[in-house]
Amino acid sequence: MEGIVATGDGGKEVRDSAYPQGVDQEDAAREVTVSRVRGSFRGWMGRTRLELLNGQEWEQRSFSIMYRYAVMPRVILVRGNEGYLMRVEGVPGWVPVRRVK
């Protein structure tokens, strides 16, 4: 399976090794957002809210907890069958999110 290839901050190509479950590859190719977290990321705490450098704000939709600290990590957002999924650089897995701004 091919991975996600998108143009991110500064025009650099960003690759991810695999699409998350429930994401159609053709649809995802059209609906990929790449940005960075504004400030620091401390992990997923159940209702984590992240502001991105592109001005968007996203909130975690599922209750899962994973502690991981990173400063301005890159994020990849794709639209799945049941909403958006986010992957944070250096953190395993995809997390369901919803846009709040």
Protein backbone atom coordinates (compact mmCIF):
# COMPACT_ATOMS: atom_id res chain seq x y z
CA MET A 1 0.00 0.00 0.00
CA GLU A 2 1.30 3.46 -0.85
CA GLY A 3 1.48 6.07 1.84
CA ILE A 4 0.28 9.62 2.10
CA VAL A 5 2.30 12.18 0.20
CA ALA A 6 1.42 15.82 0.77
CA THR A 7 3.06 19.20 0.55
CA GLY A 8 3.59 20.65 4.00
CA ASP A 9 5.13 23.72 5.58
CA GLY A 10 7.64 25.41 3.32
CA GLY A 11 6.63 23.32 0.30
CA LYS A 12 8.44 20.21 1.57
CA GLU A 13 7.01 16.83 0.67
CA VAL A 14 5.72 14.88 3.66
CA ARG A 15 5.27 11.11 3.53
CA ASP A 16 3.46 8.81 5.90
CA SER A 17 3.91 5.07 5.63
CA ALA A 18 0.25 4.05 5.64
CA TYR A 19 -3.26 5.36 5.48
CA PRO A 20 -5.32 4.88 8.63
CA GLN A 21 -8.13 2.34 8.60
CA GLY A 22 -11.34 3.64 7.09
CA VAL A 23 -9.68 6.09 4.72
CA ASP A 24 -10.13 5.73 0.98
CA GLN A 25 -6.76 6.41 -0.67
CA GLU A 26 -8.19 8.39 -3.58
CA ASP A 27 -10.29 10.59 -1.28
CA ALA A 28 -7.39 11.09 1.11
CA ALA A 29 -5.14 12.24 -1.70
CA ARG A 30 -7.49 15.19 -2.18
CA GLU A 31 -8.11 15.93 1.50
CA VAL A 32 -4.78 15.95 3.32
CA THR A 33 -3.72 18.82 5.56
CA VAL A 34 -0.17 19.14 6.86
CA SER A 35 0.80 21.72 9.46
CA ARG A 36 2.52 22.01 12.83
CA VAL A 37 1.27 22.37 16.39
CA ARG A 38 1.59 25.94 17.66
CA GLY A 39 3.76 25.59 20.76
CA SER A 40 4.26 22.29 22.52
CA PHE A 41 2.42 18.99 22.34
CA ARG A 42 2.12 17.05 25.60
CA GLY A 43 0.26 14.03 24.31
CA TRP A 44 -3.34 12.89 23.98
CA MET A 45 -5.30 13.39 27.22
CA GLY A 46 -8.85 12.48 26.21
CA ARG A 47 -10.05 15.92 25.10
CA THR A 48 -6.80 17.43 23.86
CA ARG A 49 -7.22 20.61 21.86
CA LEU A 50 -4.50 21.66 19.42
CA GLU A 51 -3.96 24.96 17.66
CA LEU A 52 -2.03 24.61 14.41
CA LEU A 53 0.25 27.11 12.70
CA ASN A 54 -2.24 27.33 9.81
CA GLY A 55 -4.79 28.86 12.25
CA GLN A 56 -7.01 25.79 12.56
CA GLU A 57 -7.95 24.33 15.96
CA TRP A 58 -8.76 20.64 16.42
CA GLU A 59 -10.06 18.63 19.38
CA GLN A 60 -9.62 14.95 20.13
CA ARG A 61 -12.89 12.99 19.65
CA SER A 62 -12.01 9.71 21.35
CA PHE A 63 -10.89 9.03 24.87
CA SER A 64 -7.37 7.74 24.77
CA ILE A 65 -4.35 8.81 26.74
CA MET A 66 -0.77 8.87 25.52
CA TYR A 67 1.91 11.08 26.97
CA ARG A 68 4.50 12.39 24.54
CA TYR A 69 6.25 15.73 24.63
CA ALA A 70 7.30 17.54 21.45
CA VAL A 71 7.84 21.15 20.44
CA MET A 72 5.93 22.19 17.31
CA PRO A 73 5.58 18.65 15.88
CA ARG A 74 4.25 18.22 12.34
CA VAL A 75 0.69 16.90 12.05
CA ILE A 76 -1.08 15.18 9.18
CA LEU A 77 -4.89 15.33 8.94
CA VAL A 78 -6.95 13.13 6.62
CA ARG A 79 -10.67 12.83 6.18
CA GLY A 80 -11.90 9.30 6.87
CA ASN A 81 -15.28 7.66 6.51
CA GLU A 82 -16.31 8.83 9.99
CA GLY A 83 -14.60 12.22 10.19
CA TYR A 84 -11.06 13.49 10.43
CA LEU A 85 -8.03 11.63 11.75
CA MET A 86 -4.79 13.21 12.94
CA ARG A 87 -1.30 11.84 13.25
CA VAL A 88 1.31 13.75 15.25
CA GLU A 89 4.96 13.33 14.29
CA GLY A 90 6.68 10.97 16.70
CA VAL A 91 3.42 9.57 18.12
CA PRO A 92 2.20 6.17 16.93
CA GLY A 93 -1.28 5.80 15.46
CA TRP A 94 -4.09 8.02 14.25
CA VAL A 95 -6.54 9.84 16.56
CA PRO A 96 -10.08 10.91 15.63
CA VAL A 97 -10.44 14.70 15.83
CA ARG A 98 -12.99 17.39 15.01
CA ARG A 99 -12.33 20.91 13.85
CA VAL A 100 -13.39 23.57 16.34
CA LYS A 101 -12.01 26.62 14.50
